[in-house]
Amino acid sequence: MVKTGTIQDILNIIAMLASLAPALIILFRRAWQSDVLNFLMVFSLLSFMHGLLTGLLPVTQPGYAFTHAAFSLGEFILLLFLLRPNSKQRWMRDLFYIFSIAFLSVIITVYALMGANASASTVQVLQNLILLAAAIYGILQLLKTEQVFIFQQPLFWIIIGAIAFSCMQLLLAVIPSAKPGEMAIMQALVVTVRSLFFIVAAGTKMKNPAVKTTGFNDFKY
């Protein structure tokens, strides 16, 4: 019988390699001219570091919860900024930034006062709810602007990966309490599924030169 620890180690390695794969594909293709793929490459490297450091730490060690929470927050920030609203109206963009800064301030305050062990699960549920809402809004915007070549847009596959990841994380949050090792195995599977969509995004090749690869073309910083 294969031990849980062995399965966890194998899945952690698979998840790490899958997380790193989009960055390697983008570098191999020299496709970093696209803003979306630049974000994806940075996210891929951050996710790889996340898996590497949490894989080195025992799940029961106090530092594991803090490391996992810190990297999850970093990944959330990157994806949320990538899925920022595509609007020409300045007030909507300002509202998005105000909300993002306020939410991040609350998260940092909660972690500082309560610690990662006590608050990480609640905070990550809120993160995934917000990310899911942003991803659904993003796919609706993308459908309006890129109806014909949507499957050739890297952003489409990134959004689908974000939706799948958020839904699976929310599902794990409502599952009855599992052992730390079992939860780590499920987390590795969730990350691997997300990385598969991101690998497709990194390898997507545009066939229509008239369509830009950034997806949300009219966004103003």
Protein backbone atom coordinates (compact mmCIF):
# COMPACT_ATOMS: atom_id res chain seq x y z
CA MET A 1 0.00 0.00 0.00
CA VAL A 2 1.38 3.42 -0.98
CA LYS A 3 1.74 5.75 1.98
CA THR A 4 -0.05 9.11 2.01
CA GLY A 5 3.27 10.89 2.44
CA THR A 6 4.65 9.29 -0.72
CA ILE A 7 1.57 10.26 -2.75
CA GLN A 8 1.79 13.80 -1.35
CA ASP A 9 5.46 14.12 -2.32
CA ILE A 10 4.83 12.85 -5.85
CA LEU A 11 1.85 15.15 -6.38
CA ASN A 12 3.77 18.12 -4.98
CA ILE A 13 6.54 17.52 -7.51
CA ILE A 14 4.01 17.21 -10.35
CA ALA A 15 2.25 20.40 -9.20
CA MET A 16 5.56 22.30 -9.03
CA LEU A 17 6.64 21.19 -12.50
CA ALA A 18 3.20 22.00 -13.92
CA SER A 19 3.34 25.45 -12.30
CA LEU A 20 6.75 26.15 -13.84
CA ALA A 21 5.81 24.85 -17.30
CA PRO A 22 3.98 28.03 -18.54
CA ALA A 23 7.05 30.19 -17.80
CA LEU A 24 9.33 27.75 -19.63
CA ILE A 25 6.97 27.63 -22.63
CA ILE A 26 6.79 31.43 -22.81
CA LEU A 27 10.59 31.72 -22.62
CA PHE A 28 11.06 28.99 -25.24
CA ARG A 29 8.55 30.68 -27.58
CA ARG A 30 10.00 34.13 -26.80
CA ALA A 31 6.41 35.30 -26.38
CA TRP A 32 7.03 37.79 -23.58
CA GLN A 33 6.04 40.76 -25.79
CA SER A 34 2.42 40.19 -24.68
CA ASP A 35 1.41 41.84 -21.40
CA VAL A 36 -0.85 38.91 -20.55
CA LEU A 37 1.93 36.37 -21.09
CA ASN A 38 4.31 38.53 -19.04
CA PHE A 39 1.85 38.34 -16.16
CA LEU A 40 1.47 34.61 -16.70
CA MET A 41 5.24 34.08 -16.65
CA VAL A 42 5.61 35.99 -13.37
CA PHE A 43 2.64 34.13 -11.91
CA SER A 44 4.11 30.81 -13.02
CA LEU A 45 7.41 31.52 -11.28
CA LEU A 46 5.62 32.69 -8.13
CA SER A 47 3.45 29.57 -8.11
CA PHE A 48 6.55 27.39 -8.55
CA MET A 49 8.22 29.07 -5.55
CA HIS A 50 4.98 28.59 -3.62
CA GLY A 51 5.00 24.87 -4.27
CA LEU A 52 8.74 24.55 -3.62
CA LEU A 53 8.73 26.27 -0.23
CA THR A 54 5.51 24.69 1.05
CA GLY A 55 6.79 21.32 -0.18
CA LEU A 56 9.93 21.69 1.91
CA LEU A 57 7.98 22.57 5.07
CA PRO A 58 6.03 19.91 7.00
CA VAL A 59 2.28 20.61 6.86
CA THR A 60 2.06 20.59 10.65
CA GLN A 61 4.84 23.18 11.08
CA PRO A 62 3.62 26.70 12.02
CA GLY A 63 5.62 28.29 9.21
CA TYR A 64 3.70 26.27 6.62
CA ALA A 65 0.43 28.18 7.17
CA PHE A 66 2.15 31.58 6.95
CA THR A 67 4.11 30.63 3.81
CA HIS A 68 1.02 29.23 2.11
CA ALA A 69 -1.04 32.29 3.05
CA ALA A 70 1.62 34.77 1.85
CA PHE A 71 2.10 33.10 -1.55
CA SER A 72 -1.65 32.61 -2.01
CA LEU A 73 -2.11 36.34 -1.41
CA GLY A 74 0.62 37.15 -3.96
CA GLU A 75 -1.00 34.90 -6.57
CA PHE A 76 -4.39 36.46 -5.83
CA ILE A 77 -3.00 39.98 -6.36
CA LEU A 78 -1.45 39.05 -9.72
CA LEU A 79 -4.58 37.35 -11.04
CA LEU A 80 -6.86 40.11 -9.77
CA PHE A 81 -4.75 42.76 -11.49
CA LEU A 82 -4.72 40.71 -14.70
CA LEU A 83 -8.51 40.46 -14.58
CA ARG A 84 -8.97 44.17 -13.85
CA PRO A 85 -12.11 45.65 -15.45
CA ASN A 86 -11.95 46.72 -19.08
CA SER A 87 -13.61 50.10 -18.86
CA LYS A 88 -12.97 53.50 -20.40
CA GLN A 89 -14.70 55.13 -17.45
CA ARG A 90 -12.13 56.41 -14.99
CA TRP A 91 -14.44 56.15 -11.98
CA MET A 92 -14.82 52.39 -12.48
CA ARG A 93 -11.08 51.87 -12.65
CA ASP A 94 -10.57 54.05 -9.58
CA LEU A 95 -13.26 52.10 -7.73
CA PHE A 96 -11.52 48.85 -8.60
CA TYR A 97 -8.18 50.11 -7.26
CA ILE A 98 -9.76 51.53 -4.09
CA PHE A 99 -11.55 48.25 -3.41
CA SER A 100 -8.39 46.21 -4.10
CA ILE A 101 -6.22 48.33 -1.79
CA ALA A 102 -8.87 48.29 0.95
CA PHE A 103 -9.28 44.52 0.72
CA LEU A 104 -5.54 43.89 0.80
CA SER A 105 -5.21 46.20 3.81
CA VAL A 106 -7.89 44.22 5.64
CA ILE A 107 -6.19 40.91 4.80
CA ILE A 108 -2.80 42.10 6.04
CA THR A 109 -4.39 43.46 9.23
CA VAL A 110 -6.24 40.19 9.88
CA TYR A 111 -3.07 38.15 9.39
CA ALA A 112 -1.12 40.51 11.67
CA LEU A 113 -3.70 40.37 14.48
CA MET A 114 -4.95 36.78 14.28
CA GLY A 115 -2.12 34.96 12.54
CA ALA A 116 -2.22 32.78 9.44
CA ASN A 117 -3.27 29.63 11.29
CA ALA A 118 -6.45 31.16 12.65
CA SER A 119 -7.58 33.22 9.66
CA ALA A 120 -6.06 31.76 6.48
CA SER A 121 -9.04 29.57 5.56
CA THR A 122 -11.58 32.41 5.89
CA VAL A 123 -9.39 34.89 4.02
CA GLN A 124 -8.75 32.46 1.18
CA VAL A 125 -12.48 31.78 0.80
CA LEU A 126 -13.00 35.54 0.37
CA GLN A 127 -10.11 35.71 -2.08
CA ASN A 128 -11.55 32.91 -4.19
CA LEU A 129 -15.03 34.45 -4.18
CA ILE A 130 -13.63 37.77 -5.40
CA LEU A 131 -11.41 36.05 -7.97
CA LEU A 132 -14.34 34.00 -9.23
CA ALA A 133 -16.48 37.13 -9.63
CA ALA A 134 -13.66 38.94 -11.46
CA ALA A 135 -13.07 35.94 -13.73
CA ILE A 136 -16.76 35.62 -14.64
CA TYR A 137 -16.88 39.34 -15.42
CA GLY A 138 -13.70 38.96 -17.46
CA ILE A 139 -15.03 36.09 -19.56
CA LEU A 140 -18.19 38.09 -20.30
CA GLN A 141 -16.09 41.05 -21.44
CA LEU A 142 -13.90 38.79 -23.54
CA LEU A 143 -16.93 37.22 -25.21
CA LYS A 144 -18.10 40.67 -26.24
CA THR A 145 -14.80 41.68 -27.84
CA GLU A 146 -13.26 38.41 -29.12
CA GLN A 147 -16.20 36.25 -30.22
CA VAL A 148 -14.56 34.59 -33.24
CA PHE A 149 -11.00 33.97 -32.03
CA ILE A 150 -11.68 33.59 -28.30
CA PHE A 151 -10.08 30.13 -28.11
CA GLN A 152 -6.89 31.60 -29.56
CA GLN A 153 -6.65 34.16 -26.74
CA PRO A 154 -4.25 33.27 -23.89
CA LEU A 155 -6.42 35.36 -21.57
CA PHE A 156 -9.39 33.08 -22.21
CA TRP A 157 -7.52 30.02 -20.93
CA ILE A 158 -6.14 31.98 -17.97
CA ILE A 159 -9.68 33.01 -17.01
CA ILE A 160 -10.97 29.44 -17.38
CA GLY A 161 -8.09 28.24 -15.19
CA ALA A 162 -8.88 30.90 -12.58
CA ILE A 163 -12.57 29.91 -12.56
CA ALA A 164 -11.74 26.20 -12.21
CA PHE A 165 -9.24 26.92 -9.43
CA SER A 166 -11.61 29.18 -7.47
CA CYS A 167 -14.51 26.73 -7.75
CA MET A 168 -12.38 23.79 -6.60
CA GLN A 169 -10.93 25.79 -3.71
CA LEU A 170 -14.41 26.83 -2.58
CA LEU A 171 -15.50 23.20 -2.83
CA LEU A 172 -12.59 22.12 -0.64
CA ALA A 173 -13.57 24.80 1.89
CA VAL A 174 -16.99 23.21 2.47
CA ILE A 175 -15.68 19.62 2.70
CA PRO A 176 -15.66 18.28 6.27
CA SER A 177 -12.34 18.54 8.08
CA ALA A 178 -9.60 16.48 6.46
CA LYS A 179 -6.19 15.53 7.74
CA PRO A 180 -3.39 18.00 6.85
CA GLY A 181 -1.74 15.46 4.55
CA GLU A 182 -4.96 14.73 2.70
CA MET A 183 -5.70 18.43 2.28
CA ALA A 184 -2.18 18.98 0.92
CA ILE A 185 -2.80 16.24 -1.67
CA MET A 186 -6.06 17.85 -2.78
CA GLN A 187 -4.38 21.26 -2.96
CA ALA A 188 -1.66 19.82 -5.20
CA LEU A 189 -4.32 18.39 -7.53
CA VAL A 190 -6.13 21.74 -7.68
CA VAL A 191 -2.91 23.58 -8.55
CA THR A 192 -2.10 21.00 -11.23
CA VAL A 193 -5.52 21.44 -12.88
CA ARG A 194 -5.08 25.22 -12.91
CA SER A 195 -1.59 24.87 -14.35
CA LEU A 196 -2.89 22.72 -17.22
CA PHE A 197 -5.11 25.60 -18.37
CA PHE A 198 -2.21 28.02 -17.97
CA ILE A 199 0.02 25.72 -20.04
CA VAL A 200 -2.57 25.89 -22.84
CA ALA A 201 -2.57 29.70 -22.47
CA ALA A 202 1.23 29.83 -22.72
CA GLY A 203 1.23 27.64 -25.83
CA THR A 204 -1.68 29.34 -27.60
CA LYS A 205 -0.69 30.75 -30.96
CA MET A 206 -2.72 33.58 -32.43
CA LYS A 207 -3.84 32.97 -36.01
CA ASN A 208 -5.44 36.32 -36.60
CA PRO A 209 -2.82 39.11 -36.67
CA ALA A 210 -5.53 41.76 -36.42
CA VAL A 211 -6.41 40.60 -32.91
CA LYS A 212 -4.04 41.64 -30.14
CA THR A 213 -2.87 39.09 -27.63
CA THR A 214 -3.56 41.22 -24.59
CA GLY A 215 -7.28 40.53 -24.61
CA PHE A 216 -8.51 43.62 -22.80
CA ASN A 217 -7.19 46.11 -25.35
CA ASP A 218 -8.79 49.33 -24.16
CA PHE A 219 -7.78 49.25 -20.50
CA LYS A 220 -6.08 52.43 -19.29
CA TYR A 221 -3.79 52.40 -16.26
